[in-house]
Amino acid sequence: MPDHAALLALAVTAAKAAGTELAARKEAFQGIALTDGRDIKLNADRAAEALILSILRDGADIDILAEESGLHGTPDGLLWAVDPLDGAENYIRHSPNCGVSIALLNDGEPILGVI
């Protein structure tokens, strides 16, 4: 059985690191990487995701489903689900109504999450 407290601490560390980076580098991350209808992908999405994935991979051997880069591993068993910048349109408008979302699933069932 996984150590839920340790995995929660890892998710909190990853989310805080990405949030801090997103806040500190807001001007540098403003470039739009992709638009698809109403969906906006910023350079910030990719940068935050890279940071989160690095922290999660270093802390636990668990596969990851990430919004920007897709599935890293298999969807069976334990799986991190990562949205590196939920509310990209608010972020680009300098609204505080955006954030980082990380969840841990076990066979598709949520175990824990941080925002």
C-alpha atoms as a PDB file:
ATOM      1  CA  MET A   1       0.000   0.000   0.000  1.00  0.00           C
ATOM      2  CA  PRO A   2       1.427   3.415  -0.919  1.00  0.00           C
ATOM      3  CA  ASP A   3       2.358   5.910   1.769  1.00  0.00           C
ATOM      4  CA  HIS A   4      -0.465   8.412   1.215  1.00  0.00           C
ATOM      5  CA  ALA A   5       1.056  11.044   3.504  1.00  0.00           C
ATOM      6  CA  ALA A   6       4.355  10.975   1.604  1.00  0.00           C
ATOM      7  CA  LEU A   7       2.589  11.100  -1.777  1.00  0.00           C
ATOM      8  CA  LEU A   8       0.407  13.990  -0.615  1.00  0.00           C
ATOM      9  CA  ALA A   9       3.519  15.855   0.537  1.00  0.00           C
ATOM     10  CA  LEU A  10       5.115  15.205  -2.856  1.00  0.00           C
ATOM     11  CA  ALA A  11       2.059  16.543  -4.704  1.00  0.00           C
ATOM     12  CA  VAL A  12       1.979  19.633  -2.463  1.00  0.00           C
ATOM     13  CA  THR A  13       5.683  20.249  -3.117  1.00  0.00           C
ATOM     14  CA  ALA A  14       5.175  19.965  -6.891  1.00  0.00           C
ATOM     15  CA  ALA A  15       2.092  22.192  -6.903  1.00  0.00           C
ATOM     16  CA  LYS A  16       3.729  24.878  -4.754  1.00  0.00           C
ATOM     17  CA  ALA A  17       6.902  24.867  -6.851  1.00  0.00           C
ATOM     18  CA  ALA A  18       4.912  25.268 -10.066  1.00  0.00           C
ATOM     19  CA  GLY A  19       2.669  27.943  -8.550  1.00  0.00           C
ATOM     20  CA  THR A  20       5.667  29.899  -7.311  1.00  0.00           C
ATOM     21  CA  GLU A  21       7.340  29.659 -10.730  1.00  0.00           C
ATOM     22  CA  LEU A  22       4.143  30.705 -12.527  1.00  0.00           C
ATOM     23  CA  ALA A  23       3.737  33.733 -10.268  1.00  0.00           C
ATOM     24  CA  ALA A  24       7.386  34.779 -10.423  1.00  0.00           C
ATOM     25  CA  ARG A  25       7.780  34.456 -14.191  1.00  0.00           C
ATOM     26  CA  LYS A  26       4.354  35.653 -15.326  1.00  0.00           C
ATOM     27  CA  GLU A  27       5.722  38.107 -17.885  1.00  0.00           C
ATOM     28  CA  ALA A  28       8.228  35.625 -19.323  1.00  0.00           C
ATOM     29  CA  PHE A  29       5.559  32.911 -19.643  1.00  0.00           C
ATOM     30  CA  GLN A  30       2.922  35.012 -21.418  1.00  0.00           C
ATOM     31  CA  GLY A  31       3.566  33.670 -24.930  1.00  0.00           C
ATOM     32  CA  ILE A  32       0.769  31.608 -26.451  1.00  0.00           C
ATOM     33  CA  ALA A  33       1.971  28.202 -27.597  1.00  0.00           C
ATOM     34  CA  LEU A  34      -1.324  27.032 -29.140  1.00  0.00           C
ATOM     35  CA  THR A  35      -4.966  28.039 -29.511  1.00  0.00           C
ATOM     36  CA  ASP A  36      -7.668  25.539 -30.371  1.00  0.00           C
ATOM     37  CA  GLY A  37     -11.083  27.125 -30.325  1.00  0.00           C
ATOM     38  CA  ARG A  38     -11.529  28.381 -26.789  1.00  0.00           C
ATOM     39  CA  ASP A  39      -8.593  26.356 -25.444  1.00  0.00           C
ATOM     40  CA  ILE A  40      -5.438  28.412 -24.922  1.00  0.00           C
ATOM     41  CA  LYS A  41      -2.066  26.798 -24.262  1.00  0.00           C
ATOM     42  CA  LEU A  42       0.567  29.132 -22.896  1.00  0.00           C
ATOM     43  CA  ASN A  43       4.292  28.689 -22.624  1.00  0.00           C
ATOM     44  CA  ALA A  44       3.481  28.778 -18.911  1.00  0.00           C
ATOM     45  CA  ASP A  45       1.523  25.506 -19.222  1.00  0.00           C
ATOM     46  CA  ARG A  46       4.527  23.710 -20.643  1.00  0.00           C
ATOM     47  CA  ALA A  47       7.043  25.199 -18.216  1.00  0.00           C
ATOM     48  CA  ALA A  48       4.902  24.420 -15.172  1.00  0.00           C
ATOM     49  CA  GLU A  49       4.236  20.888 -16.408  1.00  0.00           C
ATOM     50  CA  ALA A  50       7.934  20.193 -16.939  1.00  0.00           C
ATOM     51  CA  LEU A  51       8.678  21.299 -13.380  1.00  0.00           C
ATOM     52  CA  ILE A  52       5.830  19.240 -11.898  1.00  0.00           C
ATOM     53  CA  LEU A  53       6.784  16.112 -13.836  1.00  0.00           C
ATOM     54  CA  SER A  54      10.399  16.433 -12.735  1.00  0.00           C
ATOM     55  CA  ILE A  55       9.413  16.661  -9.063  1.00  0.00           C
ATOM     56  CA  LEU A  56       6.879  13.810  -9.255  1.00  0.00           C
ATOM     57  CA  ARG A  57       9.296  11.523 -11.117  1.00  0.00           C
ATOM     58  CA  ASP A  58      12.101  12.220  -8.649  1.00  0.00           C
ATOM     59  CA  GLY A  59       9.821  11.499  -5.698  1.00  0.00           C
ATOM     60  CA  ALA A  60       7.922   8.379  -6.749  1.00  0.00           C
ATOM     61  CA  ASP A  61       7.903   5.739  -9.462  1.00  0.00           C
ATOM     62  CA  ILE A  62       4.317   6.397 -10.564  1.00  0.00           C
ATOM     63  CA  ASP A  63       3.076   6.887 -14.123  1.00  0.00           C
ATOM     64  CA  ILE A  64       1.707  10.297 -15.106  1.00  0.00           C
ATOM     65  CA  LEU A  65      -1.130  11.632 -17.249  1.00  0.00           C
ATOM     66  CA  ALA A  66      -0.336  15.287 -17.985  1.00  0.00           C
ATOM     67  CA  GLU A  67      -2.543  17.754 -19.830  1.00  0.00           C
ATOM     68  CA  GLU A  68       0.173  19.052 -22.126  1.00  0.00           C
ATOM     69  CA  SER A  69       2.275  15.978 -22.862  1.00  0.00           C
ATOM     70  CA  GLY A  70      -0.193  13.139 -22.416  1.00  0.00           C
ATOM     71  CA  LEU A  71       0.305   9.727 -20.875  1.00  0.00           C
ATOM     72  CA  HIS A  72       3.710   8.728 -19.532  1.00  0.00           C
ATOM     73  CA  GLY A  73       3.320   5.030 -18.773  1.00  0.00           C
ATOM     74  CA  THR A  74       0.051   3.118 -18.425  1.00  0.00           C
ATOM     75  CA  PRO A  75      -3.330   4.212 -17.083  1.00  0.00           C
ATOM     76  CA  ASP A  76      -3.548   1.138 -14.824  1.00  0.00           C
ATOM     77  CA  GLY A  77      -2.762   1.171 -11.113  1.00  0.00           C
ATOM     78  CA  LEU A  78      -1.410   4.343  -9.553  1.00  0.00           C
ATOM     79  CA  LEU A  79      -1.395   7.361 -11.858  1.00  0.00           C
ATOM     80  CA  TRP A  80      -0.720  11.050 -11.312  1.00  0.00           C
ATOM     81  CA  ALA A  81      -3.118  13.354 -13.199  1.00  0.00           C
ATOM     82  CA  VAL A  82      -1.650  16.821 -13.766  1.00  0.00           C
ATOM     83  CA  ASP A  83      -3.167  20.082 -14.990  1.00  0.00           C
ATOM     84  CA  PRO A  84      -0.205  22.466 -14.750  1.00  0.00           C
ATOM     85  CA  LEU A  85      -2.222  25.655 -15.248  1.00  0.00           C
ATOM     86  CA  ASP A  86      -5.963  25.449 -14.810  1.00  0.00           C
ATOM     87  CA  GLY A  87      -7.387  28.782 -15.896  1.00  0.00           C
ATOM     88  CA  ALA A  88      -4.856  29.813 -18.544  1.00  0.00           C
ATOM     89  CA  GLU A  89      -7.104  32.585 -19.822  1.00  0.00           C
ATOM     90  CA  ASN A  90      -7.284  34.080 -16.328  1.00  0.00           C
ATOM     91  CA  TYR A  91      -3.515  33.740 -15.981  1.00  0.00           C
ATOM     92  CA  ILE A  92      -2.870  35.648 -19.194  1.00  0.00           C
ATOM     93  CA  ARG A  93      -5.259  38.377 -17.962  1.00  0.00           C
ATOM     94  CA  HIS A  94      -3.421  38.547 -14.602  1.00  0.00           C
ATOM     95  CA  SER A  95      -6.478  37.278 -12.719  1.00  0.00           C
ATOM     96  CA  PRO A  96      -5.739  35.287  -9.555  1.00  0.00           C
ATOM     97  CA  ASN A  97      -8.436  32.741 -10.482  1.00  0.00           C
ATOM     98  CA  CYS A  98      -6.088  30.080 -11.823  1.00  0.00           C
ATOM     99  CA  GLY A  99      -4.015  27.338 -10.307  1.00  0.00           C
ATOM    100  CA  VAL A 100      -2.138  24.075 -10.457  1.00  0.00           C
ATOM    101  CA  SER A 101      -4.064  20.796 -10.062  1.00  0.00           C
ATOM    102  CA  ILE A 102      -2.508  17.425  -9.234  1.00  0.00           C
ATOM    103  CA  ALA A 103      -4.388  14.246  -8.345  1.00  0.00           C
ATOM    104  CA  LEU A 104      -3.357  10.691  -7.617  1.00  0.00           C
ATOM    105  CA  LEU A 105      -5.624   7.963  -8.959  1.00  0.00           C
ATOM    106  CA  ASN A 106      -5.663   4.231  -8.308  1.00  0.00           C
ATOM    107  CA  ASP A 107      -7.282   2.379 -11.199  1.00  0.00           C
ATOM    108  CA  GLY A 108      -9.178   5.548 -12.038  1.00  0.00           C
ATOM    109  CA  GLU A 109     -10.391   6.239  -8.508  1.00  0.00           C
ATOM    110  CA  PRO A 110      -9.120   9.404  -6.800  1.00  0.00           C
ATOM    111  CA  ILE A 111      -6.935   8.885  -3.746  1.00  0.00           C
ATOM    112  CA  LEU A 112      -5.734  12.438  -3.131  1.00  0.00           C
ATOM    113  CA  GLY A 113      -5.465  15.781  -4.813  1.00  0.00           C
ATOM    114  CA  VAL A 114      -4.040  19.244  -4.409  1.00  0.00           C
ATOM    115  CA  ILE A 115      -4.909  22.561  -6.009  1.00  0.00           C
END
